[in-house]
PDB file of N, CA and C in Angstrom:
ATOM      1  N   MET A   1      29.386  65.724 -40.393  1.00  0.00           N
ATOM      2  CA  MET A   1      28.947  65.049 -39.012  1.00  0.00           C
ATOM      3  C   MET A   1      27.592  64.756 -39.045  1.00  0.00           C
ATOM      4  N   ALA A   2      27.556  63.347 -38.815  1.00  0.00           N
ATOM      5  CA  ALA A   2      25.585  62.995 -38.716  1.00  0.00           C
ATOM      6  C   ALA A   2      25.030  63.608 -37.758  1.00  0.00           C
ATOM      7  N   ARG A   3      23.712  62.910 -37.503  1.00  0.00           N
ATOM      8  CA  ARG A   3      22.823  63.394 -36.770  1.00  0.00           C
ATOM      9  C   ARG A   3      23.233  63.110 -35.216  1.00  0.00           C
ATOM     10  N   VAL A   4      24.485  63.762 -34.781  1.00  0.00           N
ATOM     11  CA  VAL A   4      24.678  63.568 -33.267  1.00  0.00           C
ATOM     12  C   VAL A   4      24.871  64.798 -32.833  1.00  0.00           C
ATOM     13  N   CYS A   5      24.382  65.100 -31.424  1.00  0.00           N
ATOM     14  CA  CYS A   5      25.004  66.167 -30.692  1.00  0.00           C
ATOM     15  C   CYS A   5      26.317  66.124 -30.046  1.00  0.00           C
ATOM     16  N   GLN A   6      26.879  67.202 -30.100  1.00  0.00           N
ATOM     17  CA  GLN A   6      28.387  67.276 -29.774  1.00  0.00           C
ATOM     18  C   GLN A   6      28.497  67.469 -28.331  1.00  0.00           C
ATOM     19  N   VAL A   7      27.557  68.019 -27.495  1.00  0.00           N
ATOM     20  CA  VAL A   7      27.675  67.735 -25.999  1.00  0.00           C
ATOM     21  C   VAL A   7      27.309  66.479 -25.498  1.00  0.00           C
ATOM     22  N   THR A   8      25.804  66.141 -25.824  1.00  0.00           N
ATOM     23  CA  THR A   8      25.173  65.126 -25.007  1.00  0.00           C
ATOM     24  C   THR A   8      25.658  63.858 -25.693  1.00  0.00           C
ATOM     25  N   GLY A   9      25.956  63.887 -27.030  1.00  0.00           N
ATOM     26  CA  GLY A   9      26.366  62.530 -27.741  1.00  0.00           C
ATOM     27  C   GLY A   9      24.693  61.625 -28.237  1.00  0.00           C
ATOM     28  N   LYS A  10      23.727  62.476 -28.047  1.00  0.00           N
ATOM     29  CA  LYS A  10      22.491  61.791 -28.575  1.00  0.00           C
ATOM     30  C   LYS A  10      22.490  61.517 -30.052  1.00  0.00           C
ATOM     31  N   THR A  11      21.980  60.205 -30.228  1.00  0.00           N
ATOM     32  CA  THR A  11      21.826  59.887 -31.827  1.00  0.00           C
ATOM     33  C   THR A  11      20.420  59.316 -32.173  1.00  0.00           C
ATOM     34  N   PRO A  12      20.115  59.021 -33.310  1.00  0.00           N
ATOM     35  CA  PRO A  12      18.844  58.480 -33.622  1.00  0.00           C
ATOM     36  C   PRO A  12      18.825  57.375 -32.883  1.00  0.00           C
ATOM     37  N   VAL A  13      17.425  56.937 -32.517  1.00  0.00           N
ATOM     38  CA  VAL A  13      17.331  55.647 -31.911  1.00  0.00           C
ATOM     39  C   VAL A  13      15.840  54.869 -32.875  1.00  0.00           C
ATOM     40  N   GLY A  14      16.040  53.607 -32.679  1.00  0.00           N
ATOM     41  CA  GLY A  14      14.951  52.641 -33.934  1.00  0.00           C
ATOM     42  C   GLY A  14      13.739  52.578 -32.786  1.00  0.00           C
ATOM     43  N   GLY A  15      12.750  52.281 -33.696  1.00  0.00           N
ATOM     44  CA  GLY A  15      11.360  52.085 -33.210  1.00  0.00           C
ATOM     45  C   GLY A  15      10.628  51.531 -33.841  1.00  0.00           C
ATOM     46  N   ASN A  16       9.261  51.319 -33.750  1.00  0.00           N
ATOM     47  CA  ASN A  16       8.105  51.047 -34.403  1.00  0.00           C
ATOM     48  C   ASN A  16       7.099  52.053 -34.726  1.00  0.00           C
ATOM     49  N   LYS A  17       6.604  52.210 -36.020  1.00  0.00           N
ATOM     50  CA  LYS A  17       5.536  53.194 -36.299  1.00  0.00           C
ATOM     51  C   LYS A  17       4.258  52.094 -36.274  1.00  0.00           C
ATOM     52  N   VAL A  18       3.319  52.460 -35.356  1.00  0.00           N
ATOM     53  CA  VAL A  18       2.245  51.572 -35.139  1.00  0.00           C
ATOM     54  C   VAL A  18       0.843  52.311 -35.898  1.00  0.00           C
ATOM     55  N   SER A  19       0.300  51.455 -36.933  1.00  0.00           N
ATOM     56  CA  SER A  19      -0.801  51.823 -37.498  1.00  0.00           C
ATOM     57  C   SER A  19      -1.975  51.736 -36.798  1.00  0.00           C
ATOM     58  N   HIS A  20      -3.330  52.150 -37.188  1.00  0.00           N
ATOM     59  CA  HIS A  20      -4.318  52.113 -36.418  1.00  0.00           C
ATOM     60  C   HIS A  20      -4.920  50.566 -36.422  1.00  0.00           C
ATOM     61  N   SER A  21      -4.429  49.810 -37.471  1.00  0.00           N
ATOM     62  CA  SER A  21      -4.751  48.307 -37.441  1.00  0.00           C
ATOM     63  C   SER A  21      -3.544  47.445 -36.551  1.00  0.00           C
ATOM     64  N   ASN A  22      -2.813  48.372 -36.059  1.00  0.00           N
ATOM     65  CA  ASN A  22      -1.711  47.838 -34.965  1.00  0.00           C
ATOM     66  C   ASN A  22      -0.817  46.890 -35.890  1.00  0.00           C
ATOM     67  N   ILE A  23      -0.240  47.360 -37.176  1.00  0.00           N
ATOM     68  CA  ILE A  23       0.647  46.704 -37.871  1.00  0.00           C
ATOM     69  C   ILE A  23       1.728  47.642 -37.462  1.00  0.00           C
ATOM     70  N   LYS A  24       3.068  46.989 -37.392  1.00  0.00           N
ATOM     71  CA  LYS A  24       4.118  47.650 -36.979  1.00  0.00           C
ATOM     72  C   LYS A  24       5.404  47.732 -38.061  1.00  0.00           C
ATOM     73  N   THR A  25       5.910  48.925 -38.234  1.00  0.00           N
ATOM     74  CA  THR A  25       7.057  49.062 -39.349  1.00  0.00           C
ATOM     75  C   THR A  25       8.019  49.744 -38.540  1.00  0.00           C
ATOM     76  N   LYS A  26       9.044  49.677 -39.122  1.00  0.00           N
ATOM     77  CA  LYS A  26      10.562  50.151 -38.293  1.00  0.00           C
ATOM     78  C   LYS A  26      10.269  51.708 -38.622  1.00  0.00           C
ATOM     79  N   ARG A  27      11.036  52.335 -37.614  1.00  0.00           N
ATOM     80  CA  ARG A  27      11.189  54.143 -38.000  1.00  0.00           C
ATOM     81  C   ARG A  27      12.216  54.383 -37.060  1.00  0.00           C
ATOM     82  N   ARG A  28      12.667  55.473 -37.532  1.00  0.00           N
ATOM     83  CA  ARG A  28      13.813  56.299 -36.684  1.00  0.00           C
ATOM     84  C   ARG A  28      13.236  57.263 -35.897  1.00  0.00           C
ATOM     85  N   PHE A  29      13.457  57.785 -34.795  1.00  0.00           N
ATOM     86  CA  PHE A  29      13.279  58.938 -33.822  1.00  0.00           C
ATOM     87  C   PHE A  29      14.491  59.712 -33.868  1.00  0.00           C
ATOM     88  N   LEU A  30      14.663  60.641 -34.321  1.00  0.00           N
ATOM     89  CA  LEU A  30      15.835  61.699 -34.819  1.00  0.00           C
ATOM     90  C   LEU A  30      15.894  62.457 -33.410  1.00  0.00           C
ATOM     91  N   PRO A  31      17.161  62.892 -32.858  1.00  0.00           N
ATOM     92  CA  PRO A  31      17.024  64.051 -31.820  1.00  0.00           C
ATOM     93  C   PRO A  31      16.931  65.404 -32.527  1.00  0.00           C
ATOM     94  N   ASN A  32      16.160  66.212 -31.375  1.00  0.00           N
ATOM     95  CA  ASN A  32      16.113  67.338 -31.941  1.00  0.00           C
ATOM     96  C   ASN A  32      17.265  68.420 -31.840  1.00  0.00           C
ATOM     97  N   LEU A  33      18.116  68.268 -33.114  1.00  0.00           N
ATOM     98  CA  LEU A  33      19.273  69.093 -33.256  1.00  0.00           C
ATOM     99  C   LEU A  33      19.013  70.443 -33.994  1.00  0.00           C
ATOM    100  N   GLN A  34      19.625  71.348 -33.473  1.00  0.00           N
ATOM    101  CA  GLN A  34      19.838  72.640 -33.693  1.00  0.00           C
ATOM    102  C   GLN A  34      21.211  73.454 -33.958  1.00  0.00           C
ATOM    103  N   GLN A  35      21.541  73.768 -34.960  1.00  0.00           N
ATOM    104  CA  GLN A  35      23.162  74.357 -35.289  1.00  0.00           C
ATOM    105  C   GLN A  35      23.062  75.873 -34.895  1.00  0.00           C
ATOM    106  N   LYS A  36      23.878  76.072 -33.881  1.00  0.00           N
ATOM    107  CA  LYS A  36      23.831  77.343 -32.894  1.00  0.00           C
ATOM    108  C   LYS A  36      25.201  77.960 -32.870  1.00  0.00           C
ATOM    109  N   CYS A  37      25.212  79.326 -33.176  1.00  0.00           N
ATOM    110  CA  CYS A  37      26.553  80.078 -32.909  1.00  0.00           C
ATOM    111  C   CYS A  37      26.550  80.496 -31.551  1.00  0.00           C
ATOM    112  N   PHE A  38      27.831  80.699 -30.657  1.00  0.00           N
ATOM    113  CA  PHE A  38      28.017  81.219 -29.455  1.00  0.00           C
ATOM    114  C   PHE A  38      29.181  82.056 -29.512  1.00  0.00           C
ATOM    115  N   TYR A  39      29.318  82.960 -28.651  1.00  0.00           N
ATOM    116  CA  TYR A  39      30.199  84.103 -28.736  1.00  0.00           C
ATOM    117  C   TYR A  39      31.386  83.523 -27.684  1.00  0.00           C
ATOM    118  N   LEU A  40      32.331  83.045 -27.441  1.00  0.00           N
ATOM    119  CA  LEU A  40      33.117  82.422 -26.641  1.00  0.00           C
ATOM    120  C   LEU A  40      34.179  83.693 -26.242  1.00  0.00           C
ATOM    121  N   ALA A  41      33.770  84.292 -25.102  1.00  0.00           N
ATOM    122  CA  ALA A  41      34.424  85.600 -24.779  1.00  0.00           C
ATOM    123  C   ALA A  41      35.860  85.417 -24.400  1.00  0.00           C
ATOM    124  N   GLU A  42      36.120  84.304 -23.470  1.00  0.00           N
ATOM    125  CA  GLU A  42      37.389  84.138 -23.017  1.00  0.00           C
ATOM    126  C   GLU A  42      38.471  83.850 -24.258  1.00  0.00           C
ATOM    127  N   GLU A  43      38.116  83.403 -25.217  1.00  0.00           N
ATOM    128  CA  GLU A  43      39.038  83.478 -26.669  1.00  0.00           C
ATOM    129  C   GLU A  43      38.534  83.999 -27.677  1.00  0.00           C
ATOM    130  N   ASP A  44      37.622  85.185 -27.528  1.00  0.00           N
ATOM    131  CA  ASP A  44      37.340  86.306 -28.476  1.00  0.00           C
ATOM    132  C   ASP A  44      36.992  85.729 -29.821  1.00  0.00           C
ATOM    133  N   LYS A  45      36.300  84.819 -29.967  1.00  0.00           N
ATOM    134  CA  LYS A  45      35.881  84.040 -31.189  1.00  0.00           C
ATOM    135  C   LYS A  45      34.496  83.476 -31.100  1.00  0.00           C
ATOM    136  N   TRP A  46      33.967  83.350 -32.521  1.00  0.00           N
ATOM    137  CA  TRP A  46      32.376  82.624 -32.413  1.00  0.00           C
ATOM    138  C   TRP A  46      32.824  81.302 -32.748  1.00  0.00           C
ATOM    139  N   ILE A  47      32.084  80.435 -32.147  1.00  0.00           N
ATOM    140  CA  ILE A  47      32.069  78.886 -32.480  1.00  0.00           C
ATOM    141  C   ILE A  47      30.549  78.363 -32.848  1.00  0.00           C
ATOM    142  N   THR A  48      30.615  77.409 -33.708  1.00  0.00           N
ATOM    143  CA  THR A  48      29.320  76.823 -33.929  1.00  0.00           C
ATOM    144  C   THR A  48      29.198  75.295 -33.679  1.00  0.00           C
ATOM    145  N   LEU A  49      28.183  75.209 -33.081  1.00  0.00           N
ATOM    146  CA  LEU A  49      27.911  73.917 -32.623  1.00  0.00           C
ATOM    147  C   LEU A  49      26.538  73.153 -33.071  1.00  0.00           C
ATOM    148  N   LYS A  50      26.569  71.735 -33.215  1.00  0.00           N
ATOM    149  CA  LYS A  50      25.347  71.019 -33.674  1.00  0.00           C
ATOM    150  C   LYS A  50      25.000  70.418 -31.950  1.00  0.00           C
ATOM    151  N   LEU A  51      23.872  71.051 -31.678  1.00  0.00           N
ATOM    152  CA  LEU A  51      23.502  70.837 -30.276  1.00  0.00           C
ATOM    153  C   LEU A  51      21.830  70.275 -30.318  1.00  0.00           C
ATOM    154  N   SER A  52      21.656  69.413 -29.492  1.00  0.00           N
ATOM    155  CA  SER A  52      20.071  69.093 -29.242  1.00  0.00           C
ATOM    156  C   SER A  52      19.863  70.201 -28.113  1.00  0.00           C
ATOM    157  N   THR A  53      18.490  70.163 -28.071  1.00  0.00           N
ATOM    158  CA  THR A  53      17.719  71.558 -27.098  1.00  0.00           C
ATOM    159  C   THR A  53      18.130  71.083 -25.802  1.00  0.00           C
ATOM    160  N   GLU A  54      18.374  69.816 -25.292  1.00  0.00           N
ATOM    161  CA  GLU A  54      18.765  69.680 -23.987  1.00  0.00           C
ATOM    162  C   GLU A  54      20.112  70.284 -23.650  1.00  0.00           C
ATOM    163  N   ALA A  55      21.137  69.908 -24.690  1.00  0.00           N
ATOM    164  CA  ALA A  55      22.588  70.676 -24.791  1.00  0.00           C
ATOM    165  C   ALA A  55      22.469  72.050 -24.294  1.00  0.00           C
ATOM    166  N   ILE A  56      21.510  72.897 -25.257  1.00  0.00           N
ATOM    167  CA  ILE A  56      21.501  74.257 -25.092  1.00  0.00           C
ATOM    168  C   ILE A  56      21.044  74.648 -23.853  1.00  0.00           C
ATOM    169  N   ARG A  57      20.061  73.988 -23.086  1.00  0.00           N
ATOM    170  CA  ARG A  57      19.813  74.078 -21.584  1.00  0.00           C
ATOM    171  C   ARG A  57      21.102  73.922 -20.784  1.00  0.00           C
ATOM    172  N   THR A  58      21.766  72.659 -20.953  1.00  0.00           N
ATOM    173  CA  THR A  58      23.029  72.640 -20.126  1.00  0.00           C
ATOM    174  C   THR A  58      23.903  73.941 -20.317  1.00  0.00           C
ATOM    175  N   ILE A  59      24.280  74.202 -21.586  1.00  0.00           N
ATOM    176  CA  ILE A  59      25.171  75.390 -21.650  1.00  0.00           C
ATOM    177  C   ILE A  59      24.371  76.835 -21.101  1.00  0.00           C
ATOM    178  N   ASN A  60      23.078  76.925 -21.086  1.00  0.00           N
ATOM    179  CA  ASN A  60      22.442  78.022 -20.336  1.00  0.00           C
ATOM    180  C   ASN A  60      22.722  77.861 -18.755  1.00  0.00           C
ATOM    181  N   LYS A  61      22.686  76.497 -18.198  1.00  0.00           N
ATOM    182  CA  LYS A  61      22.854  76.569 -17.086  1.00  0.00           C
ATOM    183  C   LYS A  61      24.324  76.587 -16.453  1.00  0.00           C
ATOM    184  N   ASN A  62      25.280  75.856 -17.098  1.00  0.00           N
ATOM    185  CA  ASN A  62      26.652  75.700 -16.547  1.00  0.00           C
ATOM    186  C   ASN A  62      27.614  76.741 -17.089  1.00  0.00           C
ATOM    187  N   GLY A  63      27.232  77.559 -18.471  1.00  0.00           N
ATOM    188  CA  GLY A  63      28.003  78.351 -19.063  1.00  0.00           C
ATOM    189  C   GLY A  63      28.833  77.633 -19.993  1.00  0.00           C
ATOM    190  N   LEU A  64      28.977  78.535 -21.160  1.00  0.00           N
ATOM    191  CA  LEU A  64      29.369  78.107 -22.295  1.00  0.00           C
ATOM    192  C   LEU A  64      31.071  77.549 -22.319  1.00  0.00           C
ATOM    193  N   PHE A  65      31.898  78.159 -21.293  1.00  0.00           N
ATOM    194  CA  PHE A  65      33.439  77.849 -21.170  1.00  0.00           C
ATOM    195  C   PHE A  65      33.491  76.765 -20.651  1.00  0.00           C
ATOM    196  N   SER A  66      32.707  76.430 -19.503  1.00  0.00           N
ATOM    197  CA  SER A  66      32.953  75.051 -18.759  1.00  0.00           C
ATOM    198  C   SER A  66      32.466  73.856 -19.767  1.00  0.00           C
ATOM    199  N   VAL A  67      31.572  74.281 -20.601  1.00  0.00           N
ATOM    200  CA  VAL A  67      30.963  73.017 -21.428  1.00  0.00           C
ATOM    201  C   VAL A  67      32.102  72.904 -22.428  1.00  0.00           C
ATOM    202  N   VAL A  68      32.645  73.861 -23.320  1.00  0.00           N
ATOM    203  CA  VAL A  68      33.600  73.801 -24.055  1.00  0.00           C
ATOM    204  C   VAL A  68      34.956  73.195 -23.491  1.00  0.00           C
ATOM    205  N   LYS A  69      35.315  73.287 -22.180  1.00  0.00           N
ATOM    206  CA  LYS A  69      36.393  72.928 -21.574  1.00  0.00           C
ATOM    207  C   LYS A  69      36.334  71.227 -21.375  1.00  0.00           C
ATOM    208  N   GLN A  70      35.196  70.985 -21.127  1.00  0.00           N
ATOM    209  CA  GLN A  70      34.697  69.709 -20.830  1.00  0.00           C
ATOM    210  C   GLN A  70      35.105  68.735 -22.429  1.00  0.00           C
ATOM    211  N   LEU A  71      34.332  69.313 -23.359  1.00  0.00           N
ATOM    212  CA  LEU A  71      34.465  68.906 -24.888  1.00  0.00           C
ATOM    213  C   LEU A  71      35.856  68.807 -25.069  1.00  0.00           C
ATOM    214  N   ARG A  72      36.652  69.730 -24.756  1.00  0.00           N
ATOM    215  CA  ARG A  72      38.100  69.632 -25.249  1.00  0.00           C
ATOM    216  C   ARG A  72      38.870  68.652 -24.448  1.00  0.00           C
ATOM    217  N   ALA A  73      38.638  68.238 -23.147  1.00  0.00           N
ATOM    218  CA  ALA A  73      38.996  67.130 -22.292  1.00  0.00           C
ATOM    219  C   ALA A  73      38.702  65.860 -23.008  1.00  0.00           C
ATOM    220  N   GLN A  74      37.542  65.569 -23.470  1.00  0.00           N
ATOM    221  CA  GLN A  74      37.128  64.452 -24.170  1.00  0.00           C
ATOM    222  C   GLN A  74      37.876  64.271 -25.438  1.00  0.00           C
ATOM    223  N   GLY A  75      38.454  65.100 -26.080  1.00  0.00           N
ATOM    224  CA  GLY A  75      39.301  65.097 -27.320  1.00  0.00           C
ATOM    225  C   GLY A  75      38.574  65.600 -28.236  1.00  0.00           C
ATOM    226  N   GLU A  76      37.183  66.138 -28.427  1.00  0.00           N
ATOM    227  CA  GLU A  76      36.389  66.877 -29.130  1.00  0.00           C
ATOM    228  C   GLU A  76      37.195  68.222 -29.994  1.00  0.00           C
ATOM    229  N   LYS A  77      37.304  68.399 -31.143  1.00  0.00           N
ATOM    230  CA  LYS A  77      37.870  69.526 -31.762  1.00  0.00           C
ATOM    231  C   LYS A  77      36.933  70.888 -31.848  1.00  0.00           C
ATOM    232  N   ILE A  78      37.304  71.586 -31.251  1.00  0.00           N
ATOM    233  CA  ILE A  78      36.272  72.973 -31.130  1.00  0.00           C
ATOM    234  C   ILE A  78      37.053  74.192 -31.598  1.00  0.00           C
TER     235      ILE A  78
END
């Protein structure tokens, strides 16, 4: 899997690196991805997800089971 968040779908975006002399060269802005293990109590198993930090906050707010249920509805294998 590439640098893509499994929950939010964030991917790298392009932009310019601007030097002091205002010369512009292409660069990539990568999302802040973390690989994190969660315990899914409803299924009594551990799952590992590659998440952006925004997605970790979403899981803390909405709960792991509801986020996993939405991912499975979208066709993601968890």
